[in-house]
């Protein structure tokens, strides 16, 4: 007979909360595993009443979705937690943000009112800054990339070298004018900025795969590492090509529930 853990079973989850956070500055170099450790420490510091799994090695019920690759900053990362007693989302957001290191910033917490957050993360919007690359050079590479039916690139994965098409997942790719900045010692240097909308596919096409594709079709080899930021991720409007906010259904459900509360309270009083 299989051994069974001793002691009482873990307390059941009574609420699920979805958290939007940013990864900024030097913290963009943290791996997903590093972030997991930092986030679990923040949960303990903030005294969040986490729900735990059963078994001999209980772990907090946290679901991570669509994490950005190491080295990329992001303004739109998401995860979901389960708790054993109800928490106010705004209060939890402040407590967690204070407990996390600077550069890992909680932007919003909402109560989960709809299923499948991960299923809503269908596409991402990326900004790729290429120092020391002129707009003329990047524009020619973008035209060649978009004109290609497919652009095969290679990436080393845990299963070995894999070859896949980077073009098919790219829904939009354009050159964005660099913003005007105050004069600095290196302000004369060129900096091309790409705006990319990528559909989430298997295997996932990442910003470095897009850059590999530009190198393949136009021999574009930036002399300086790219600065990559995810600006958004969420549901894809196929007709318009826009990436929308994945937390909107949860906010709408909370607003509807909040508007209905006075009516219920009034009925009870009557």
C-alpha atoms as a PDB file:
ATOM      1  CA  UNK A   1       0.000   0.000   0.000  1.00  0.00           C
ATOM      2  CA  UNK A   2       1.301   3.427  -0.929  1.00  0.00           C
ATOM      3  CA  UNK A   3       2.340   5.655   1.954  1.00  0.00           C
ATOM      4  CA  UNK A   4       0.089   8.579   2.765  1.00  0.00           C
ATOM      5  CA  UNK A   5       1.241  11.931   4.180  1.00  0.00           C
ATOM      6  CA  UNK A   6       0.541  12.344   7.885  1.00  0.00           C
ATOM      7  CA  UNK A   7      -1.276  15.320   9.345  1.00  0.00           C
ATOM      8  CA  UNK A   8      -4.364  17.215   8.215  1.00  0.00           C
ATOM      9  CA  UNK A   9      -4.931  17.977   4.527  1.00  0.00           C
ATOM     10  CA  UNK A  10      -4.072  21.497   3.322  1.00  0.00           C
ATOM     11  CA  UNK A  11      -6.756  24.159   3.636  1.00  0.00           C
ATOM     12  CA  UNK A  12      -8.816  24.562   0.458  1.00  0.00           C
ATOM     13  CA  UNK A  13      -8.449  27.543  -1.843  1.00  0.00           C
ATOM     14  CA  UNK A  14     -11.302  30.053  -1.597  1.00  0.00           C
ATOM     15  CA  UNK A  15     -10.065  32.704  -4.037  1.00  0.00           C
ATOM     16  CA  UNK A  16      -7.858  32.978  -7.111  1.00  0.00           C
ATOM     17  CA  UNK A  17      -5.995  36.195  -7.866  1.00  0.00           C
ATOM     18  CA  UNK A  18      -4.317  37.233 -11.105  1.00  0.00           C
ATOM     19  CA  UNK A  19      -1.212  39.380 -10.901  1.00  0.00           C
ATOM     20  CA  UNK A  20       0.294  41.579 -13.600  1.00  0.00           C
ATOM     21  CA  UNK A  21       3.902  42.522 -12.981  1.00  0.00           C
ATOM     22  CA  UNK A  22       6.848  44.138 -14.741  1.00  0.00           C
ATOM     23  CA  UNK A  23      10.468  43.053 -15.064  1.00  0.00           C
ATOM     24  CA  UNK A  24      12.678  46.117 -15.467  1.00  0.00           C
ATOM     25  CA  UNK A  25      16.276  47.310 -15.456  1.00  0.00           C
ATOM     26  CA  UNK A  26      18.916  44.788 -14.408  1.00  0.00           C
ATOM     27  CA  UNK A  27      16.188  42.399 -13.241  1.00  0.00           C
ATOM     28  CA  UNK A  28      15.518  41.552 -16.905  1.00  0.00           C
ATOM     29  CA  UNK A  29      18.528  39.228 -16.615  1.00  0.00           C
ATOM     30  CA  UNK A  30      16.830  37.074 -13.963  1.00  0.00           C
ATOM     31  CA  UNK A  31      15.793  33.649 -15.160  1.00  0.00           C
ATOM     32  CA  UNK A  32      12.271  32.355 -14.663  1.00  0.00           C
ATOM     33  CA  UNK A  33      13.510  30.114 -11.852  1.00  0.00           C
ATOM     34  CA  UNK A  34      15.161  33.096 -10.135  1.00  0.00           C
ATOM     35  CA  UNK A  35      11.884  34.997 -10.342  1.00  0.00           C
ATOM     36  CA  UNK A  36       9.963  32.060  -8.890  1.00  0.00           C
ATOM     37  CA  UNK A  37      12.237  32.014  -5.842  1.00  0.00           C
ATOM     38  CA  UNK A  38      11.994  35.782  -5.387  1.00  0.00           C
ATOM     39  CA  UNK A  39       8.211  35.729  -5.741  1.00  0.00           C
ATOM     40  CA  UNK A  40       7.721  32.917  -3.228  1.00  0.00           C
ATOM     41  CA  UNK A  41       9.897  34.804  -0.725  1.00  0.00           C
ATOM     42  CA  UNK A  42       7.755  37.914  -1.320  1.00  0.00           C
ATOM     43  CA  UNK A  43       4.601  35.903  -0.634  1.00  0.00           C
ATOM     44  CA  UNK A  44       6.008  34.833   2.713  1.00  0.00           C
ATOM     45  CA  UNK A  45       7.139  38.359   3.619  1.00  0.00           C
ATOM     46  CA  UNK A  46       3.747  39.780   2.702  1.00  0.00           C
ATOM     47  CA  UNK A  47       2.060  37.026   4.773  1.00  0.00           C
ATOM     48  CA  UNK A  48      -0.209  36.006   1.904  1.00  0.00           C
ATOM     49  CA  UNK A  49      -2.475  33.077   2.994  1.00  0.00           C
ATOM     50  CA  UNK A  50      -1.344  30.793   0.196  1.00  0.00           C
ATOM     51  CA  UNK A  51      -3.105  27.555  -0.701  1.00  0.00           C
ATOM     52  CA  UNK A  52      -0.761  24.563  -0.947  1.00  0.00           C
ATOM     53  CA  UNK A  53      -0.820  21.314  -2.844  1.00  0.00           C
ATOM     54  CA  UNK A  54      -1.232  18.014  -1.017  1.00  0.00           C
ATOM     55  CA  UNK A  55       1.378  15.249  -0.805  1.00  0.00           C
ATOM     56  CA  UNK A  56       4.807  14.811   0.755  1.00  0.00           C
ATOM     57  CA  UNK A  57       6.229  18.008  -0.813  1.00  0.00           C
ATOM     58  CA  UNK A  58       3.514  20.676  -0.641  1.00  0.00           C
ATOM     59  CA  UNK A  59       4.132  23.724  -2.789  1.00  0.00           C
ATOM     60  CA  UNK A  60       2.215  26.999  -3.122  1.00  0.00           C
ATOM     61  CA  UNK A  61      -0.447  27.040  -5.817  1.00  0.00           C
ATOM     62  CA  UNK A  62       1.029  29.452  -8.342  1.00  0.00           C
ATOM     63  CA  UNK A  63       0.423  29.277 -12.089  1.00  0.00           C
ATOM     64  CA  UNK A  64       2.902  31.106 -14.310  1.00  0.00           C
ATOM     65  CA  UNK A  65       1.888  32.049 -17.841  1.00  0.00           C
ATOM     66  CA  UNK A  66       3.893  33.238 -20.838  1.00  0.00           C
ATOM     67  CA  UNK A  67       7.108  34.272 -19.061  1.00  0.00           C
ATOM     68  CA  UNK A  68       9.498  36.509 -21.009  1.00  0.00           C
ATOM     69  CA  UNK A  69      12.882  35.008 -21.936  1.00  0.00           C
ATOM     70  CA  UNK A  70      15.931  35.808 -19.808  1.00  0.00           C
ATOM     71  CA  UNK A  71      17.463  39.118 -20.867  1.00  0.00           C
ATOM     72  CA  UNK A  72      14.173  40.671 -21.994  1.00  0.00           C
ATOM     73  CA  UNK A  73      12.400  43.318 -19.947  1.00  0.00           C
ATOM     74  CA  UNK A  74       8.622  43.257 -19.772  1.00  0.00           C
ATOM     75  CA  UNK A  75       5.688  45.465 -18.827  1.00  0.00           C
ATOM     76  CA  UNK A  76       3.178  42.624 -19.140  1.00  0.00           C
ATOM     77  CA  UNK A  77       3.943  39.451 -17.192  1.00  0.00           C
ATOM     78  CA  UNK A  78       1.139  37.434 -15.588  1.00  0.00           C
ATOM     79  CA  UNK A  79       0.641  34.774 -12.958  1.00  0.00           C
ATOM     80  CA  UNK A  80      -2.186  33.426 -10.813  1.00  0.00           C
ATOM     81  CA  UNK A  81      -2.222  32.421  -7.154  1.00  0.00           C
ATOM     82  CA  UNK A  82      -4.752  30.617  -4.955  1.00  0.00           C
ATOM     83  CA  UNK A  83      -5.351  31.662  -1.339  1.00  0.00           C
ATOM     84  CA  UNK A  84      -7.109  30.092   1.627  1.00  0.00           C
ATOM     85  CA  UNK A  85      -8.819  33.279   2.829  1.00  0.00           C
ATOM     86  CA  UNK A  86     -10.150  36.167   0.808  1.00  0.00           C
ATOM     87  CA  UNK A  87      -7.762  39.051   0.089  1.00  0.00           C
ATOM     88  CA  UNK A  88      -8.420  42.569  -1.130  1.00  0.00           C
ATOM     89  CA  UNK A  89      -6.639  42.802  -4.518  1.00  0.00           C
ATOM     90  CA  UNK A  90      -5.430  46.393  -4.055  1.00  0.00           C
ATOM     91  CA  UNK A  91      -4.035  45.701  -0.574  1.00  0.00           C
ATOM     92  CA  UNK A  92      -2.318  42.543  -1.804  1.00  0.00           C
ATOM     93  CA  UNK A  93      -0.786  44.442  -4.730  1.00  0.00           C
ATOM     94  CA  UNK A  94       0.808  47.004  -2.395  1.00  0.00           C
ATOM     95  CA  UNK A  95       2.102  44.350   0.014  1.00  0.00           C
ATOM     96  CA  UNK A  96       3.665  42.213  -2.714  1.00  0.00           C
ATOM     97  CA  UNK A  97       5.190  45.187  -4.506  1.00  0.00           C
ATOM     98  CA  UNK A  98       6.876  46.263  -1.265  1.00  0.00           C
ATOM     99  CA  UNK A  99       8.194  42.740  -0.662  1.00  0.00           C
ATOM    100  CA  UNK A 100       9.712  42.278  -4.129  1.00  0.00           C
ATOM    101  CA  UNK A 101      13.123  43.675  -5.139  1.00  0.00           C
ATOM    102  CA  UNK A 102      13.232  46.912  -7.134  1.00  0.00           C
ATOM    103  CA  UNK A 103      12.807  46.031 -10.800  1.00  0.00           C
ATOM    104  CA  UNK A 104      10.158  43.376 -10.155  1.00  0.00           C
ATOM    105  CA  UNK A 105       7.093  45.575  -9.845  1.00  0.00           C
ATOM    106  CA  UNK A 106       3.490  44.512  -9.237  1.00  0.00           C
ATOM    107  CA  UNK A 107       1.293  46.567 -11.565  1.00  0.00           C
ATOM    108  CA  UNK A 108      -2.163  45.169 -10.819  1.00  0.00           C
ATOM    109  CA  UNK A 109      -3.993  42.407  -8.961  1.00  0.00           C
ATOM    110  CA  UNK A 110      -7.531  41.314  -9.879  1.00  0.00           C
ATOM    111  CA  UNK A 111      -9.750  38.527  -8.639  1.00  0.00           C
ATOM    112  CA  UNK A 112     -10.032  35.701 -11.167  1.00  0.00           C
ATOM    113  CA  UNK A 113     -13.626  35.567 -12.361  1.00  0.00           C
ATOM    114  CA  UNK A 114     -13.143  33.718 -15.646  1.00  0.00           C
ATOM    115  CA  UNK A 115     -11.239  30.541 -16.549  1.00  0.00           C
ATOM    116  CA  UNK A 116      -8.003  29.980 -18.449  1.00  0.00           C
ATOM    117  CA  UNK A 117      -5.749  33.020 -18.187  1.00  0.00           C
ATOM    118  CA  UNK A 118      -3.000  31.192 -20.083  1.00  0.00           C
ATOM    119  CA  UNK A 119      -5.384  30.540 -22.980  1.00  0.00           C
ATOM    120  CA  UNK A 120      -5.941  34.284 -23.366  1.00  0.00           C
ATOM    121  CA  UNK A 121      -2.247  35.030 -23.867  1.00  0.00           C
ATOM    122  CA  UNK A 122      -2.351  34.571 -27.641  1.00  0.00           C
ATOM    123  CA  UNK A 123       0.163  37.169 -28.836  1.00  0.00           C
ATOM    124  CA  UNK A 124       2.799  39.629 -27.631  1.00  0.00           C
ATOM    125  CA  UNK A 125       3.879  43.131 -28.607  1.00  0.00           C
ATOM    126  CA  UNK A 126       7.635  43.660 -28.433  1.00  0.00           C
ATOM    127  CA  UNK A 127       9.895  46.683 -28.760  1.00  0.00           C
ATOM    128  CA  UNK A 128      13.415  45.885 -29.943  1.00  0.00           C
ATOM    129  CA  UNK A 129      16.027  48.651 -29.765  1.00  0.00           C
ATOM    130  CA  UNK A 130      19.113  48.164 -31.902  1.00  0.00           C
ATOM    131  CA  UNK A 131      21.916  50.580 -30.966  1.00  0.00           C
ATOM    132  CA  UNK A 132      24.348  51.504 -33.733  1.00  0.00           C
ATOM    133  CA  UNK A 133      21.900  50.422 -36.463  1.00  0.00           C
ATOM    134  CA  UNK A 134      20.520  53.026 -38.877  1.00  0.00           C
ATOM    135  CA  UNK A 135      16.875  53.285 -39.865  1.00  0.00           C
ATOM    136  CA  UNK A 136      17.860  52.706 -43.501  1.00  0.00           C
ATOM    137  CA  UNK A 137      19.577  49.393 -42.718  1.00  0.00           C
ATOM    138  CA  UNK A 138      16.757  48.093 -40.523  1.00  0.00           C
ATOM    139  CA  UNK A 139      14.042  49.219 -42.967  1.00  0.00           C
ATOM    140  CA  UNK A 140      15.653  47.249 -45.805  1.00  0.00           C
ATOM    141  CA  UNK A 141      15.899  44.167 -43.564  1.00  0.00           C
ATOM    142  CA  UNK A 142      12.253  44.476 -42.470  1.00  0.00           C
ATOM    143  CA  UNK A 143      11.069  44.708 -46.087  1.00  0.00           C
ATOM    144  CA  UNK A 144      13.027  41.573 -46.995  1.00  0.00           C
ATOM    145  CA  UNK A 145      11.709  39.692 -43.933  1.00  0.00           C
ATOM    146  CA  UNK A 146       8.061  40.572 -44.608  1.00  0.00           C
ATOM    147  CA  UNK A 147       8.405  39.671 -48.283  1.00  0.00           C
ATOM    148  CA  UNK A 148       9.602  36.149 -47.490  1.00  0.00           C
ATOM    149  CA  UNK A 149       7.064  33.325 -47.316  1.00  0.00           C
ATOM    150  CA  UNK A 150       9.090  31.663 -44.569  1.00  0.00           C
ATOM    151  CA  UNK A 151      12.305  32.395 -42.728  1.00  0.00           C
ATOM    152  CA  UNK A 152      13.918  29.387 -41.107  1.00  0.00           C
ATOM    153  CA  UNK A 153      16.062  29.984 -38.026  1.00  0.00           C
ATOM    154  CA  UNK A 154      17.890  27.720 -35.604  1.00  0.00           C
ATOM    155  CA  UNK A 155      17.787  27.718 -31.823  1.00  0.00           C
ATOM    156  CA  UNK A 156      19.450  25.444 -29.314  1.00  0.00           C
ATOM    157  CA  UNK A 157      16.812  23.960 -26.992  1.00  0.00           C
ATOM    158  CA  UNK A 158      16.968  21.391 -24.210  1.00  0.00           C
ATOM    159  CA  UNK A 159      16.109  18.808 -26.897  1.00  0.00           C
ATOM    160  CA  UNK A 160      18.974  19.898 -29.126  1.00  0.00           C
ATOM    161  CA  UNK A 161      19.181  22.234 -32.118  1.00  0.00           C
ATOM    162  CA  UNK A 162      15.768  23.005 -33.580  1.00  0.00           C
ATOM    163  CA  UNK A 163      14.910  24.596 -36.924  1.00  0.00           C
ATOM    164  CA  UNK A 164      11.606  26.437 -37.325  1.00  0.00           C
ATOM    165  CA  UNK A 165       9.907  29.216 -39.280  1.00  0.00           C
ATOM    166  CA  UNK A 166      10.158  32.627 -37.611  1.00  0.00           C
ATOM    167  CA  UNK A 167       8.148  34.436 -40.308  1.00  0.00           C
ATOM    168  CA  UNK A 168       4.794  32.709 -39.848  1.00  0.00           C
ATOM    169  CA  UNK A 169       4.322  33.894 -36.249  1.00  0.00           C
ATOM    170  CA  UNK A 170       5.113  37.553 -36.992  1.00  0.00           C
ATOM    171  CA  UNK A 171       1.842  39.431 -37.513  1.00  0.00           C
ATOM    172  CA  UNK A 172       3.359  42.906 -37.774  1.00  0.00           C
ATOM    173  CA  UNK A 173       6.872  44.270 -38.010  1.00  0.00           C
ATOM    174  CA  UNK A 174       7.685  47.951 -38.425  1.00  0.00           C
ATOM    175  CA  UNK A 175      10.369  50.539 -37.749  1.00  0.00           C
ATOM    176  CA  UNK A 176       9.435  53.124 -35.121  1.00  0.00           C
ATOM    177  CA  UNK A 177      11.095  56.579 -35.135  1.00  0.00           C
ATOM    178  CA  UNK A 178      13.415  57.051 -32.158  1.00  0.00           C
ATOM    179  CA  UNK A 179      12.110  59.609 -29.629  1.00  0.00           C
ATOM    180  CA  UNK A 180      13.957  62.893 -29.381  1.00  0.00           C
ATOM    181  CA  UNK A 181      16.187  63.041 -26.304  1.00  0.00           C
ATOM    182  CA  UNK A 182      18.369  65.624 -24.638  1.00  0.00           C
ATOM    183  CA  UNK A 183      21.900  65.851 -25.971  1.00  0.00           C
ATOM    184  CA  UNK A 184      24.184  63.255 -24.380  1.00  0.00           C
ATOM    185  CA  UNK A 185      27.790  62.226 -25.065  1.00  0.00           C
ATOM    186  CA  UNK A 186      26.641  59.305 -27.250  1.00  0.00           C
ATOM    187  CA  UNK A 187      23.467  60.933 -28.631  1.00  0.00           C
ATOM    188  CA  UNK A 188      24.873  60.993 -32.149  1.00  0.00           C
ATOM    189  CA  UNK A 189      24.878  57.207 -32.315  1.00  0.00           C
ATOM    190  CA  UNK A 190      22.121  55.623 -34.399  1.00  0.00           C
ATOM    191  CA  UNK A 191      19.460  53.505 -32.720  1.00  0.00           C
ATOM    192  CA  UNK A 192      16.824  51.675 -34.727  1.00  0.00           C
ATOM    193  CA  UNK A 193      13.601  50.678 -32.964  1.00  0.00           C
ATOM    194  CA  UNK A 194      11.454  47.758 -34.098  1.00  0.00           C
ATOM    195  CA  UNK A 195       7.811  47.234 -33.130  1.00  0.00           C
ATOM    196  CA  UNK A 196       6.848  43.554 -33.452  1.00  0.00           C
ATOM    197  CA  UNK A 197       3.575  41.690 -32.905  1.00  0.00           C
ATOM    198  CA  UNK A 198       4.168  37.945 -32.559  1.00  0.00           C
ATOM    199  CA  UNK A 199       1.548  35.229 -32.302  1.00  0.00           C
ATOM    200  CA  UNK A 200       2.217  32.668 -29.565  1.00  0.00           C
ATOM    201  CA  UNK A 201       2.983  29.406 -31.324  1.00  0.00           C
ATOM    202  CA  UNK A 202       4.706  26.109 -30.613  1.00  0.00           C
ATOM    203  CA  UNK A 203       7.648  26.397 -30.672  1.00  0.00           C
ATOM    204  CA  UNK A 204       7.437  29.971 -29.409  1.00  0.00           C
ATOM    205  CA  UNK A 205       8.983  32.612 -31.671  1.00  0.00           C
ATOM    206  CA  UNK A 206      10.997  35.016 -29.507  1.00  0.00           C
ATOM    207  CA  UNK A 207      12.489  38.434 -30.324  1.00  0.00           C
ATOM    208  CA  UNK A 208      15.943  36.888 -30.778  1.00  0.00           C
ATOM    209  CA  UNK A 209      14.430  34.555 -33.390  1.00  0.00           C
ATOM    210  CA  UNK A 210      13.102  37.582 -35.286  1.00  0.00           C
ATOM    211  CA  UNK A 211      16.572  39.124 -35.173  1.00  0.00           C
ATOM    212  CA  UNK A 212      18.043  35.839 -36.422  1.00  0.00           C
ATOM    213  CA  UNK A 213      15.527  35.960 -39.271  1.00  0.00           C
ATOM    214  CA  UNK A 214      16.563  39.520 -40.183  1.00  0.00           C
ATOM    215  CA  UNK A 215      20.190  38.391 -40.208  1.00  0.00           C
ATOM    216  CA  UNK A 216      19.285  35.487 -42.476  1.00  0.00           C
ATOM    217  CA  UNK A 217      17.340  37.462 -45.089  1.00  0.00           C
ATOM    218  CA  UNK A 218      19.325  40.709 -45.057  1.00  0.00           C
ATOM    219  CA  UNK A 219      22.647  39.915 -43.356  1.00  0.00           C
ATOM    220  CA  UNK A 220      21.733  42.336 -40.561  1.00  0.00           C
ATOM    221  CA  UNK A 221      24.209  41.814 -37.722  1.00  0.00           C
ATOM    222  CA  UNK A 222      23.887  44.559 -35.060  1.00  0.00           C
ATOM    223  CA  UNK A 223      27.248  45.325 -33.421  1.00  0.00           C
ATOM    224  CA  UNK A 224      25.587  45.911 -30.028  1.00  0.00           C
ATOM    225  CA  UNK A 225      23.164  43.582 -28.188  1.00  0.00           C
ATOM    226  CA  UNK A 226      19.515  44.482 -28.658  1.00  0.00           C
ATOM    227  CA  UNK A 227      17.417  45.923 -25.841  1.00  0.00           C
ATOM    228  CA  UNK A 228      14.119  44.041 -25.776  1.00  0.00           C
ATOM    229  CA  UNK A 229      10.930  44.978 -23.912  1.00  0.00           C
ATOM    230  CA  UNK A 230       7.570  43.229 -24.013  1.00  0.00           C
ATOM    231  CA  UNK A 231       4.970  45.984 -24.060  1.00  0.00           C
ATOM    232  CA  UNK A 232       1.842  43.797 -23.952  1.00  0.00           C
ATOM    233  CA  UNK A 233       0.536  40.255 -24.226  1.00  0.00           C
ATOM    234  CA  UNK A 234      -3.016  39.016 -24.334  1.00  0.00           C
ATOM    235  CA  UNK A 235      -5.922  38.046 -26.593  1.00  0.00           C
ATOM    236  CA  UNK A 236      -5.409  38.632 -30.309  1.00  0.00           C
ATOM    237  CA  UNK A 237      -7.920  40.588 -32.363  1.00  0.00           C
ATOM    238  CA  UNK A 238      -7.401  38.646 -35.574  1.00  0.00           C
ATOM    239  CA  UNK A 239      -9.163  41.166 -37.821  1.00  0.00           C
ATOM    240  CA  UNK A 240      -7.517  44.284 -36.415  1.00  0.00           C
ATOM    241  CA  UNK A 241      -4.239  42.666 -35.391  1.00  0.00           C
ATOM    242  CA  UNK A 242      -4.384  44.284 -31.943  1.00  0.00           C
ATOM    243  CA  UNK A 243      -3.293  42.599 -28.714  1.00  0.00           C
ATOM    244  CA  UNK A 244      -5.844  43.365 -25.997  1.00  0.00           C
ATOM    245  CA  UNK A 245      -5.763  43.270 -22.193  1.00  0.00           C
ATOM    246  CA  UNK A 246      -6.205  39.729 -20.777  1.00  0.00           C
ATOM    247  CA  UNK A 247      -7.531  41.014 -17.433  1.00  0.00           C
ATOM    248  CA  UNK A 248     -10.458  42.969 -18.896  1.00  0.00           C
ATOM    249  CA  UNK A 249     -13.025  40.144 -18.387  1.00  0.00           C
ATOM    250  CA  UNK A 250     -12.019  39.859 -14.712  1.00  0.00           C
ATOM    251  CA  UNK A 251     -12.273  43.620 -14.178  1.00  0.00           C
ATOM    252  CA  UNK A 252     -15.671  43.689 -15.879  1.00  0.00           C
ATOM    253  CA  UNK A 253     -16.922  40.841 -13.694  1.00  0.00           C
ATOM    254  CA  UNK A 254     -15.704  42.623 -10.547  1.00  0.00           C
ATOM    255  CA  UNK A 255     -17.391  45.859 -11.620  1.00  0.00           C
ATOM    256  CA  UNK A 256     -20.652  44.030 -12.300  1.00  0.00           C
ATOM    257  CA  UNK A 257     -20.510  42.297  -8.919  1.00  0.00           C
ATOM    258  CA  UNK A 258     -19.741  45.592  -7.187  1.00  0.00           C
ATOM    259  CA  UNK A 259     -22.672  47.333  -8.877  1.00  0.00           C
ATOM    260  CA  UNK A 260     -25.016  44.527  -7.828  1.00  0.00           C
ATOM    261  CA  UNK A 261     -24.024  44.590  -4.137  1.00  0.00           C
ATOM    262  CA  UNK A 262     -26.129  47.643  -3.119  1.00  0.00           C
ATOM    263  CA  UNK A 263     -29.189  46.048  -4.678  1.00  0.00           C
ATOM    264  CA  UNK A 264     -28.674  42.827  -2.748  1.00  0.00           C
ATOM    265  CA  UNK A 265     -28.028  44.735   0.467  1.00  0.00           C
ATOM    266  CA  UNK A 266     -31.153  46.821  -0.060  1.00  0.00           C
ATOM    267  CA  UNK A 267     -33.291  43.739  -0.650  1.00  0.00           C
ATOM    268  CA  UNK A 268     -32.007  42.129   2.552  1.00  0.00           C
ATOM    269  CA  UNK A 269     -32.737  45.251   4.555  1.00  0.00           C
ATOM    270  CA  UNK A 270     -36.231  45.374   3.202  1.00  0.00           C
END
